[in-house]
């Protein structure tokens, strides 16, 4: 019975980790890379919005 319960939690954990990864990327990694490359703030904001929308799908 514990095996079945663990199997049911795996998709939830995967979604949680994927969403956290997208949030980390959009809040920390993306602005740092954009600044290093020299992207404008409006492009950075647009990319951040796209990443957050992708995170909400999971």
Protein backbone atom coordinates (compact mmCIF):
# COMPACT_ATOMS: atom_id res chain seq x y z
CA UNK A 1 0.00 0.00 0.00
CA UNK A 2 2.88 2.39 0.70
CA UNK A 3 4.24 1.74 -2.80
CA UNK A 4 0.97 2.94 -4.35
CA UNK A 5 0.99 6.09 -2.22
CA UNK A 6 4.58 6.87 -3.23
CA UNK A 7 3.75 6.42 -6.91
CA UNK A 8 0.88 8.90 -6.64
CA UNK A 9 3.16 11.54 -5.09
CA UNK A 10 5.82 11.35 -7.80
CA UNK A 11 3.97 13.48 -10.40
CA UNK A 12 3.24 16.09 -7.74
CA UNK A 13 6.89 16.21 -6.71
CA UNK A 14 8.03 16.48 -10.32
CA UNK A 15 5.65 19.37 -10.94
CA UNK A 16 6.80 21.09 -7.77
CA UNK A 17 10.47 20.76 -8.70
CA UNK A 18 9.85 21.93 -12.26
CA UNK A 19 7.89 24.95 -11.07
CA UNK A 20 10.59 25.82 -8.54
CA UNK A 21 13.21 25.52 -11.27
CA UNK A 22 11.29 27.91 -13.52
CA UNK A 23 10.86 30.36 -10.64
CA UNK A 24 14.57 30.23 -9.81
CA UNK A 25 15.46 30.72 -13.45
CA UNK A 26 13.13 33.68 -13.93
CA UNK A 27 13.99 35.49 -10.69
CA UNK A 28 17.73 34.92 -10.36
CA UNK A 29 19.40 33.32 -13.36
CA UNK A 30 17.63 35.15 -16.19
CA UNK A 31 18.34 38.71 -14.94
CA UNK A 32 21.99 37.84 -14.30
CA UNK A 33 22.45 36.40 -17.78
CA UNK A 34 20.53 39.27 -19.37
CA UNK A 35 22.73 41.81 -17.64
CA UNK A 36 25.86 39.96 -18.67
CA UNK A 37 24.74 39.74 -22.31
CA UNK A 38 23.42 43.28 -22.36
CA UNK A 39 19.71 42.73 -22.96
CA UNK A 40 17.35 45.57 -22.25
CA UNK A 41 15.08 45.53 -19.23
CA UNK A 42 11.94 45.20 -21.35
CA UNK A 43 13.29 42.05 -23.01
CA UNK A 44 14.27 40.65 -19.62
CA UNK A 45 10.78 41.32 -18.24
CA UNK A 46 9.19 39.65 -21.27
CA UNK A 47 11.38 36.57 -20.86
CA UNK A 48 10.62 36.47 -17.14
CA UNK A 49 6.89 36.60 -17.89
CA UNK A 50 7.20 33.76 -20.39
CA UNK A 51 9.05 31.61 -17.86
CA UNK A 52 6.48 32.29 -15.15
CA UNK A 53 3.62 31.39 -17.52
CA UNK A 54 5.43 28.16 -18.37
CA UNK A 55 5.82 27.44 -14.64
CA UNK A 56 2.08 27.91 -14.09
CA UNK A 57 1.24 25.25 -16.68
CA UNK A 58 2.75 22.54 -14.50
